[in-house]
Amino acid sequence: MKEGLDDILADNLAVIFCGINPGLRAAATGHHFMGRSNRFWRTLHLAGFTPHEVQPENDRTILQYQCGLTTVVERPTARADQLSAGEFKAAAVGFENKIARYAPRCVAFLGKAAYGALTGQREMAWGLQPHSLGNAAVWVLPNPSGRNLGFTLEQLVDAYRPLRQALNDPR
């Protein structure tokens, strides 16, 4: 198995979606959000980011829609709770440098865990955050993993749609 998962990034994207870390299947296949129960691609389509549901094996096409993909921690795990606080701390500077390098309008963290680990915040609301990361607005969106039973597909779409609408507004 390949260690980690390649980012899908380009300069001046509208948004970089940031997962916590790669799942084992994603790392093994080399494609983001490859897990059978992951609802990322469906949510993105239904929220208006893509005109059709992108298949995980075509993940690089997300760049056509001004969206990119990365993770905070590169190490693949079966579950995000298998990561240590130290791994988030060790990844923080490299992650911040990556965001500065690619200069997206927004960074959307998929789940509160990664953003909380990077910032030290224990409590945060869903949606647009009061602080930016470099020049990028920060959003915290529910994790689309099938393991996240706290959100239905409809609730995920409702949570992602305000970001899509904000991106339609000029900078």
N, C-alpha and C. Protein backbone atom coordinates (compact mmCIF):
# COMPACT_ATOMS: atom_id res chain seq x y z
N MET A 1 0.85 -1.19 0.00
CA MET A 1 0.00 0.00 0.00
C MET A 1 0.88 1.24 0.00
N LYS A 2 0.51 2.18 -0.80
CA LYS A 2 1.18 3.48 -0.85
C LYS A 2 0.93 4.21 0.47
N GLU A 3 1.94 4.87 0.97
CA GLU A 3 1.77 5.66 2.20
C GLU A 3 1.23 7.03 1.82
N GLY A 4 0.09 7.38 2.37
CA GLY A 4 -0.50 8.68 2.09
C GLY A 4 -1.34 8.67 0.82
N LEU A 5 -1.70 9.86 0.39
CA LEU A 5 -2.56 10.05 -0.77
C LEU A 5 -2.19 11.38 -1.39
N ASP A 6 -1.97 11.40 -2.69
CA ASP A 6 -1.56 12.64 -3.36
C ASP A 6 -2.66 13.69 -3.27
N ASP A 7 -2.24 14.92 -3.02
CA ASP A 7 -3.16 16.04 -3.05
C ASP A 7 -3.63 16.27 -4.49
N ILE A 8 -4.79 16.87 -4.61
CA ILE A 8 -5.28 17.32 -5.91
C ILE A 8 -5.46 18.83 -5.77
N LEU A 9 -4.44 19.57 -6.19
CA LEU A 9 -4.39 21.01 -5.94
C LEU A 9 -3.88 21.76 -7.17
N ALA A 10 -4.28 23.00 -7.26
CA ALA A 10 -3.80 23.92 -8.29
C ALA A 10 -3.86 25.32 -7.70
N ASP A 11 -3.23 26.25 -8.36
CA ASP A 11 -3.24 27.63 -7.89
C ASP A 11 -4.64 28.23 -7.99
N ASN A 12 -4.94 29.12 -7.06
CA ASN A 12 -6.13 29.97 -7.10
C ASN A 12 -7.46 29.23 -7.22
N LEU A 13 -7.60 28.16 -6.49
CA LEU A 13 -8.88 27.43 -6.47
C LEU A 13 -9.91 28.21 -5.66
N ALA A 14 -11.16 27.95 -5.93
CA ALA A 14 -12.22 28.55 -5.12
C ALA A 14 -12.19 27.95 -3.71
N VAL A 15 -12.02 26.63 -3.63
CA VAL A 15 -12.03 25.96 -2.34
C VAL A 15 -11.14 24.73 -2.37
N ILE A 16 -10.47 24.51 -1.25
CA ILE A 16 -9.77 23.25 -1.02
C ILE A 16 -10.53 22.53 0.08
N PHE A 17 -11.05 21.35 -0.24
CA PHE A 17 -11.70 20.51 0.76
C PHE A 17 -10.62 19.73 1.47
N CYS A 18 -10.67 19.76 2.78
CA CYS A 18 -9.61 19.18 3.59
C CYS A 18 -10.15 18.08 4.48
N GLY A 19 -9.80 16.86 4.15
CA GLY A 19 -10.15 15.73 5.00
C GLY A 19 -9.19 15.63 6.17
N ILE A 20 -9.53 14.81 7.12
CA ILE A 20 -8.69 14.62 8.30
C ILE A 20 -7.41 13.90 7.90
N ASN A 21 -7.58 12.73 7.29
CA ASN A 21 -6.47 11.93 6.79
C ASN A 21 -7.04 10.91 5.81
N PRO A 22 -6.20 10.27 5.01
CA PRO A 22 -6.73 9.28 4.07
C PRO A 22 -7.24 8.03 4.78
N GLY A 23 -8.33 7.50 4.27
CA GLY A 23 -8.77 6.18 4.70
C GLY A 23 -7.89 5.13 4.05
N LEU A 24 -7.93 3.92 4.57
CA LEU A 24 -7.08 2.86 4.02
C LEU A 24 -7.40 2.55 2.56
N ARG A 25 -8.67 2.52 2.23
CA ARG A 25 -9.04 2.21 0.84
C ARG A 25 -8.61 3.33 -0.10
N ALA A 26 -8.79 4.58 0.31
CA ALA A 26 -8.36 5.71 -0.51
C ALA A 26 -6.86 5.65 -0.76
N ALA A 27 -6.09 5.38 0.28
CA ALA A 27 -4.63 5.30 0.13
C ALA A 27 -4.24 4.13 -0.77
N ALA A 28 -4.92 3.00 -0.62
CA ALA A 28 -4.59 1.82 -1.42
C ALA A 28 -4.90 2.03 -2.90
N THR A 29 -5.95 2.75 -3.20
CA THR A 29 -6.35 2.97 -4.60
C THR A 29 -5.76 4.24 -5.19
N GLY A 30 -5.33 5.16 -4.34
CA GLY A 30 -4.80 6.43 -4.81
C GLY A 30 -5.88 7.44 -5.17
N HIS A 31 -7.11 7.22 -4.66
CA HIS A 31 -8.21 8.12 -4.97
C HIS A 31 -8.92 8.56 -3.70
N HIS A 32 -9.22 9.85 -3.64
CA HIS A 32 -9.87 10.45 -2.48
C HIS A 32 -11.32 9.97 -2.33
N PHE A 33 -11.73 9.81 -1.07
CA PHE A 33 -13.11 9.48 -0.71
C PHE A 33 -13.60 8.24 -1.46
N MET A 34 -12.77 7.21 -1.43
CA MET A 34 -13.05 5.98 -2.17
C MET A 34 -13.91 5.01 -1.37
N GLY A 35 -14.03 5.22 -0.08
CA GLY A 35 -14.80 4.27 0.74
C GLY A 35 -16.22 4.11 0.24
N ARG A 36 -16.72 2.89 0.28
CA ARG A 36 -18.06 2.58 -0.25
C ARG A 36 -19.16 3.43 0.38
N SER A 37 -19.00 3.72 1.66
CA SER A 37 -20.07 4.44 2.35
C SER A 37 -19.83 5.95 2.40
N ASN A 38 -18.74 6.43 1.80
CA ASN A 38 -18.45 7.86 1.87
C ASN A 38 -19.39 8.63 0.95
N ARG A 39 -19.93 9.70 1.47
CA ARG A 39 -20.94 10.48 0.75
C ARG A 39 -20.40 11.78 0.17
N PHE A 40 -19.09 11.96 0.15
CA PHE A 40 -18.49 13.22 -0.31
C PHE A 40 -18.91 13.59 -1.73
N TRP A 41 -18.70 12.70 -2.68
CA TRP A 41 -18.94 13.02 -4.08
C TRP A 41 -20.42 13.30 -4.34
N ARG A 42 -21.28 12.55 -3.72
CA ARG A 42 -22.73 12.76 -3.87
C ARG A 42 -23.13 14.11 -3.26
N THR A 43 -22.61 14.39 -2.07
CA THR A 43 -22.91 15.66 -1.40
C THR A 43 -22.44 16.84 -2.25
N LEU A 44 -21.22 16.75 -2.78
CA LEU A 44 -20.69 17.84 -3.60
C LEU A 44 -21.60 18.12 -4.79
N HIS A 45 -22.03 17.07 -5.44
CA HIS A 45 -22.92 17.24 -6.59
C HIS A 45 -24.26 17.86 -6.18
N LEU A 46 -24.89 17.30 -5.18
CA LEU A 46 -26.20 17.77 -4.75
C LEU A 46 -26.17 19.20 -4.20
N ALA A 47 -25.02 19.60 -3.66
CA ALA A 47 -24.88 20.97 -3.14
C ALA A 47 -24.51 21.97 -4.24
N GLY A 48 -24.25 21.49 -5.46
CA GLY A 48 -24.02 22.38 -6.58
C GLY A 48 -22.57 22.64 -6.95
N PHE A 49 -21.63 21.91 -6.38
CA PHE A 49 -20.22 22.12 -6.71
C PHE A 49 -19.84 21.51 -8.05
N THR A 50 -20.51 20.42 -8.42
CA THR A 50 -20.23 19.73 -9.68
C THR A 50 -21.55 19.49 -10.42
N PRO A 51 -21.52 19.48 -11.76
CA PRO A 51 -22.75 19.27 -12.52
C PRO A 51 -23.23 17.82 -12.53
N HIS A 52 -22.38 16.91 -12.11
CA HIS A 52 -22.73 15.49 -12.02
C HIS A 52 -21.95 14.91 -10.85
N GLU A 53 -22.32 13.72 -10.45
CA GLU A 53 -21.59 13.07 -9.35
C GLU A 53 -20.29 12.50 -9.89
N VAL A 54 -19.19 13.04 -9.42
CA VAL A 54 -17.87 12.57 -9.82
C VAL A 54 -17.64 11.20 -9.18
N GLN A 55 -17.08 10.28 -9.95
CA GLN A 55 -16.71 8.98 -9.40
C GLN A 55 -15.33 9.10 -8.77
N PRO A 56 -15.10 8.43 -7.64
CA PRO A 56 -13.82 8.59 -6.95
C PRO A 56 -12.60 8.35 -7.84
N GLU A 57 -12.70 7.41 -8.77
CA GLU A 57 -11.55 7.15 -9.64
C GLU A 57 -11.27 8.30 -10.61
N ASN A 58 -12.21 9.24 -10.71
CA ASN A 58 -12.03 10.45 -11.53
C ASN A 58 -11.82 11.68 -10.66
N ASP A 59 -11.29 11.48 -9.46
CA ASP A 59 -11.18 12.57 -8.49
C ASP A 59 -10.41 13.79 -9.01
N ARG A 60 -9.46 13.59 -9.90
CA ARG A 60 -8.67 14.72 -10.41
C ARG A 60 -9.52 15.71 -11.22
N THR A 61 -10.67 15.26 -11.71
CA THR A 61 -11.52 16.17 -12.49
C THR A 61 -12.13 17.26 -11.62
N ILE A 62 -12.01 17.13 -10.32
CA ILE A 62 -12.56 18.16 -9.42
C ILE A 62 -11.90 19.52 -9.67
N LEU A 63 -10.69 19.50 -10.18
CA LEU A 63 -10.00 20.75 -10.49
C LEU A 63 -10.77 21.57 -11.53
N GLN A 64 -11.50 20.90 -12.42
CA GLN A 64 -12.30 21.60 -13.44
C GLN A 64 -13.37 22.49 -12.82
N TYR A 65 -13.73 22.19 -11.59
CA TYR A 65 -14.79 22.91 -10.90
C TYR A 65 -14.24 23.85 -9.82
N GLN A 66 -12.95 24.18 -9.96
CA GLN A 66 -12.27 25.10 -9.05
C GLN A 66 -12.22 24.59 -7.61
N CYS A 67 -12.20 23.27 -7.46
CA CYS A 67 -12.12 22.63 -6.14
C CYS A 67 -10.86 21.77 -6.08
N GLY A 68 -10.26 21.71 -4.90
CA GLY A 68 -9.10 20.86 -4.68
C GLY A 68 -9.32 19.98 -3.46
N LEU A 69 -8.42 19.02 -3.29
CA LEU A 69 -8.52 18.07 -2.19
C LEU A 69 -7.17 17.87 -1.52
N THR A 70 -7.20 17.82 -0.20
CA THR A 70 -6.02 17.52 0.59
C THR A 70 -6.47 16.92 1.92
N THR A 71 -5.50 16.55 2.72
CA THR A 71 -5.77 16.09 4.08
C THR A 71 -4.82 16.82 5.02
N VAL A 72 -5.19 16.92 6.29
CA VAL A 72 -4.30 17.56 7.27
C VAL A 72 -3.14 16.62 7.58
N VAL A 73 -3.45 15.39 7.93
CA VAL A 73 -2.44 14.38 8.26
C VAL A 73 -2.36 13.41 7.08
N GLU A 74 -1.16 13.07 6.69
CA GLU A 74 -0.98 12.22 5.51
C GLU A 74 -1.13 10.73 5.80
N ARG A 75 -0.94 10.30 7.04
CA ARG A 75 -0.93 8.87 7.35
C ARG A 75 -2.33 8.27 7.24
N PRO A 76 -2.48 7.22 6.43
CA PRO A 76 -3.77 6.55 6.32
C PRO A 76 -4.10 5.73 7.57
N THR A 77 -5.37 5.73 7.93
CA THR A 77 -5.86 4.90 9.03
C THR A 77 -7.25 4.40 8.68
N ALA A 78 -7.68 3.39 9.39
CA ALA A 78 -9.04 2.88 9.20
C ALA A 78 -10.06 3.88 9.74
N ARG A 79 -9.69 4.55 10.84
CA ARG A 79 -10.58 5.54 11.47
C ARG A 79 -9.75 6.75 11.88
N ALA A 80 -10.36 7.92 11.80
CA ALA A 80 -9.64 9.15 12.14
C ALA A 80 -9.24 9.19 13.61
N ASP A 81 -9.98 8.50 14.48
CA ASP A 81 -9.62 8.54 15.90
C ASP A 81 -8.35 7.74 16.21
N GLN A 82 -7.75 7.13 15.19
CA GLN A 82 -6.47 6.43 15.37
C GLN A 82 -5.28 7.38 15.24
N LEU A 83 -5.54 8.65 14.97
CA LEU A 83 -4.48 9.65 14.89
C LEU A 83 -4.25 10.26 16.26
N SER A 84 -3.01 10.64 16.52
CA SER A 84 -2.69 11.27 17.79
C SER A 84 -2.69 12.79 17.65
N ALA A 85 -2.82 13.48 18.76
CA ALA A 85 -2.73 14.94 18.77
C ALA A 85 -1.37 15.38 18.24
N GLY A 86 -0.34 14.61 18.53
CA GLY A 86 1.01 14.92 18.05
C GLY A 86 1.11 14.89 16.54
N GLU A 87 0.35 13.99 15.89
CA GLU A 87 0.38 13.94 14.43
C GLU A 87 -0.23 15.20 13.82
N PHE A 88 -1.29 15.70 14.44
CA PHE A 88 -1.88 16.96 13.96
C PHE A 88 -0.91 18.11 14.17
N LYS A 89 -0.28 18.14 15.32
CA LYS A 89 0.66 19.22 15.63
C LYS A 89 1.84 19.19 14.66
N ALA A 90 2.35 17.99 14.38
CA ALA A 90 3.47 17.85 13.45
C ALA A 90 3.10 18.26 12.03
N ALA A 91 1.84 18.09 11.66
CA ALA A 91 1.39 18.40 10.30
C ALA A 91 1.02 19.86 10.12
N ALA A 92 0.84 20.61 11.20
CA ALA A 92 0.27 21.96 11.13
C ALA A 92 1.05 22.92 10.24
N VAL A 93 2.34 23.04 10.42
CA VAL A 93 3.12 24.02 9.65
C VAL A 93 3.11 23.67 8.17
N GLY A 94 3.32 22.41 7.85
CA GLY A 94 3.29 21.99 6.44
C GLY A 94 1.94 22.24 5.81
N PHE A 95 0.88 21.99 6.56
CA PHE A 95 -0.47 22.22 6.05
C PHE A 95 -0.69 23.71 5.79
N GLU A 96 -0.33 24.54 6.75
CA GLU A 96 -0.49 25.99 6.59
C GLU A 96 0.33 26.52 5.41
N ASN A 97 1.52 25.99 5.24
CA ASN A 97 2.36 26.39 4.10
C ASN A 97 1.71 25.98 2.77
N LYS A 98 1.10 24.80 2.76
CA LYS A 98 0.42 24.33 1.55
C LYS A 98 -0.73 25.26 1.17
N ILE A 99 -1.51 25.66 2.17
CA ILE A 99 -2.63 26.57 1.90
C ILE A 99 -2.09 27.92 1.41
N ALA A 100 -1.05 28.41 2.03
CA ALA A 100 -0.45 29.68 1.58
C ALA A 100 0.07 29.56 0.15
N ARG A 101 0.68 28.44 -0.17
CA ARG A 101 1.24 28.22 -1.51
C ARG A 101 0.16 28.22 -2.58
N TYR A 102 -0.97 27.56 -2.33
CA TYR A 102 -2.01 27.41 -3.36
C TYR A 102 -3.05 28.53 -3.33
N ALA A 103 -3.14 29.26 -2.26
CA ALA A 103 -3.98 30.46 -2.14
C ALA A 103 -5.43 30.29 -2.60
N PRO A 104 -6.15 29.32 -2.03
CA PRO A 104 -7.57 29.20 -2.38
C PRO A 104 -8.36 30.33 -1.73
N ARG A 105 -9.56 30.57 -2.23
CA ARG A 105 -10.45 31.54 -1.59
C ARG A 105 -10.92 31.02 -0.25
N CYS A 106 -11.18 29.70 -0.20
CA CYS A 106 -11.69 29.08 1.03
C CYS A 106 -11.02 27.75 1.27
N VAL A 107 -10.94 27.38 2.53
CA VAL A 107 -10.54 26.04 2.95
C VAL A 107 -11.73 25.48 3.72
N ALA A 108 -12.18 24.30 3.32
CA ALA A 108 -13.32 23.67 3.98
C ALA A 108 -12.85 22.41 4.68
N PHE A 109 -12.82 22.45 6.00
CA PHE A 109 -12.45 21.29 6.80
C PHE A 109 -13.66 20.37 6.90
N LEU A 110 -13.45 19.11 6.62
CA LEU A 110 -14.54 18.14 6.65
C LEU A 110 -14.55 17.46 8.01
N GLY A 111 -15.27 18.07 8.91
CA GLY A 111 -15.32 17.62 10.30
C GLY A 111 -14.60 18.61 11.20
N LYS A 112 -15.02 18.62 12.44
CA LYS A 112 -14.44 19.56 13.41
C LYS A 112 -13.09 19.10 13.95
N ALA A 113 -12.80 17.81 13.87
CA ALA A 113 -11.60 17.27 14.51
C ALA A 113 -10.31 17.89 13.98
N ALA A 114 -10.15 17.94 12.67
CA ALA A 114 -8.90 18.45 12.11
C ALA A 114 -8.73 19.93 12.40
N TYR A 115 -9.78 20.71 12.19
CA TYR A 115 -9.69 22.15 12.44
C TYR A 115 -9.43 22.41 13.92
N GLY A 116 -10.12 21.69 14.77
CA GLY A 116 -9.92 21.83 16.21
C GLY A 116 -8.50 21.47 16.63
N ALA A 117 -7.95 20.42 16.04
CA ALA A 117 -6.59 20.02 16.37
C ALA A 117 -5.57 21.05 15.91
N LEU A 118 -5.81 21.67 14.76
CA LEU A 118 -4.89 22.68 14.24
C LEU A 118 -4.94 23.97 15.04
N THR A 119 -6.14 24.33 15.51
CA THR A 119 -6.31 25.62 16.17
C THR A 119 -6.33 25.54 17.68
N GLY A 120 -6.51 24.35 18.22
CA GLY A 120 -6.64 24.20 19.66
C GLY A 120 -8.04 24.51 20.17
N GLN A 121 -8.95 24.83 19.26
CA GLN A 121 -10.33 25.10 19.67
C GLN A 121 -11.05 23.80 20.01
N ARG A 122 -11.80 23.84 21.09
CA ARG A 122 -12.60 22.67 21.44
C ARG A 122 -14.03 22.81 20.95
N GLU A 123 -14.49 24.03 20.90
CA GLU A 123 -15.87 24.30 20.48
C GLU A 123 -15.85 25.22 19.25
N MET A 124 -16.68 24.88 18.28
CA MET A 124 -16.83 25.73 17.10
C MET A 124 -18.17 25.41 16.46
N ALA A 125 -18.69 26.37 15.75
CA ALA A 125 -19.95 26.17 15.04
C ALA A 125 -19.64 25.58 13.67
N TRP A 126 -20.63 24.99 13.05
CA TRP A 126 -20.51 24.56 11.67
C TRP A 126 -20.56 25.81 10.79
N GLY A 127 -19.94 25.75 9.64
CA GLY A 127 -20.01 26.84 8.67
C GLY A 127 -18.78 27.73 8.69
N LEU A 128 -18.99 28.96 8.27
CA LEU A 128 -17.91 29.94 8.17
C LEU A 128 -17.35 30.26 9.56
N GLN A 129 -16.02 30.25 9.67
CA GLN A 129 -15.35 30.51 10.93
C GLN A 129 -14.90 31.98 11.00
N PRO A 130 -14.72 32.51 12.20
CA PRO A 130 -14.33 33.91 12.33
C PRO A 130 -12.88 34.20 11.93
N HIS A 131 -12.04 33.17 11.87
CA HIS A 131 -10.62 33.38 11.55
C HIS A 131 -10.30 32.76 10.20
N SER A 132 -9.37 33.38 9.48
CA SER A 132 -8.94 32.86 8.18
C SER A 132 -7.66 32.05 8.35
N LEU A 133 -7.30 31.38 7.31
CA LEU A 133 -6.04 30.63 7.24
C LEU A 133 -5.28 31.25 6.08
N GLY A 134 -4.30 32.09 6.41
CA GLY A 134 -3.68 32.91 5.38
C GLY A 134 -4.75 33.88 4.89
N ASN A 135 -4.96 33.92 3.59
CA ASN A 135 -6.02 34.77 3.02
C ASN A 135 -7.29 33.99 2.73
N ALA A 136 -7.33 32.73 3.10
CA ALA A 136 -8.48 31.87 2.80
C ALA A 136 -9.50 31.90 3.93
N ALA A 137 -10.75 32.10 3.56
CA ALA A 137 -11.83 31.95 4.54
C ALA A 137 -11.89 30.48 4.95
N VAL A 138 -12.22 30.24 6.20
CA VAL A 138 -12.27 28.87 6.72
C VAL A 138 -13.72 28.48 6.99
N TRP A 139 -14.08 27.32 6.50
CA TRP A 139 -15.39 26.72 6.74
C TRP A 139 -15.18 25.38 7.42
N VAL A 140 -16.06 25.04 8.31
CA VAL A 140 -16.06 23.71 8.92
C VAL A 140 -17.39 23.06 8.55
N LEU A 141 -17.28 21.95 7.84
CA LEU A 141 -18.45 21.23 7.34
C LEU A 141 -18.49 19.83 7.94
N PRO A 142 -19.65 19.24 8.05
CA PRO A 142 -19.72 17.88 8.58
C PRO A 142 -18.94 16.89 7.72
N ASN A 143 -18.33 15.94 8.36
CA ASN A 143 -17.59 14.90 7.67
C ASN A 143 -18.57 14.01 6.90
N PRO A 144 -18.32 13.78 5.59
CA PRO A 144 -19.24 12.98 4.79
C PRO A 144 -19.06 11.47 4.94
N SER A 145 -18.18 11.05 5.82
CA SER A 145 -17.95 9.62 6.00
C SER A 145 -19.25 8.91 6.35
N GLY A 146 -19.39 7.72 5.84
CA GLY A 146 -20.55 6.90 6.19
C GLY A 146 -20.57 6.54 7.66
N ARG A 147 -19.44 6.68 8.33
CA ARG A 147 -19.37 6.42 9.78
C ARG A 147 -19.99 7.57 10.57
N ASN A 148 -20.16 8.72 9.93
CA ASN A 148 -20.76 9.88 10.60
C ASN A 148 -22.28 9.75 10.50
N LEU A 149 -22.85 9.08 11.46
CA LEU A 149 -24.29 8.83 11.45
C LEU A 149 -25.09 10.02 11.97
N GLY A 150 -24.41 11.07 12.41
CA GLY A 150 -25.09 12.24 12.93
C GLY A 150 -25.71 13.12 11.84
N PHE A 151 -25.37 12.86 10.58
CA PHE A 151 -25.87 13.67 9.47
C PHE A 151 -26.39 12.77 8.36
N THR A 152 -27.61 13.05 7.94
CA THR A 152 -28.16 12.37 6.77
C THR A 152 -27.56 13.02 5.53
N LEU A 153 -27.76 12.42 4.37
CA LEU A 153 -27.30 13.01 3.13
C LEU A 153 -27.93 14.39 2.94
N GLU A 154 -29.21 14.51 3.21
CA GLU A 154 -29.89 15.80 3.06
C GLU A 154 -29.28 16.86 3.99
N GLN A 155 -28.94 16.48 5.20
CA GLN A 155 -28.33 17.43 6.13
C GLN A 155 -26.92 17.83 5.68
N LEU A 156 -26.19 16.89 5.12
CA LEU A 156 -24.87 17.21 4.57
C LEU A 156 -25.00 18.24 3.45
N VAL A 157 -25.91 17.99 2.53
CA VAL A 157 -26.11 18.91 1.41
C VAL A 157 -26.50 20.29 1.93
N ASP A 158 -27.39 20.34 2.91
CA ASP A 158 -27.80 21.62 3.49
C ASP A 158 -26.63 22.34 4.16
N ALA A 159 -25.69 21.59 4.71
CA ALA A 159 -24.52 22.19 5.36
C ALA A 159 -23.49 22.69 4.34
N TYR A 160 -23.36 21.99 3.21
CA TYR A 160 -22.37 22.36 2.19
C TYR A 160 -22.86 23.48 1.27
N ARG A 161 -24.14 23.57 1.08
CA ARG A 161 -24.72 24.53 0.12
C ARG A 161 -24.36 25.99 0.43
N PRO A 162 -24.35 26.44 1.70
CA PRO A 162 -23.96 27.85 1.95
C PRO A 162 -22.54 28.18 1.48
N LEU A 163 -21.63 27.23 1.55
CA LEU A 163 -20.28 27.47 1.03
C LEU A 163 -20.36 27.66 -0.48
N ARG A 164 -21.10 26.81 -1.15
CA ARG A 164 -21.24 26.95 -2.60
C ARG A 164 -21.82 28.32 -2.96
N GLN A 165 -22.82 28.75 -2.21
CA GLN A 165 -23.43 30.04 -2.46
C GLN A 165 -22.45 31.18 -2.19
N ALA A 166 -21.64 31.05 -1.14
CA ALA A 166 -20.65 32.08 -0.83
C ALA A 166 -19.60 32.18 -1.94
N LEU A 167 -19.26 31.06 -2.55
CA LEU A 167 -18.28 31.07 -3.63
C LEU A 167 -18.82 31.73 -4.89
N ASN A 168 -20.12 31.77 -5.02
CA ASN A 168 -20.73 32.45 -6.18
C ASN A 168 -20.62 33.96 -6.06
N ASP A 169 -20.43 34.45 -4.84
CA ASP A 169 -20.25 35.90 -4.62
C ASP A 169 -18.82 36.28 -4.98
N PRO A 170 -18.62 37.43 -5.61
CA PRO A 170 -17.26 37.84 -5.93
C PRO A 170 -16.42 38.04 -4.66
N ARG A 171 -15.15 37.84 -4.80
CA ARG A 171 -14.21 37.96 -3.67
C ARG A 171 -14.23 39.31 -3.07
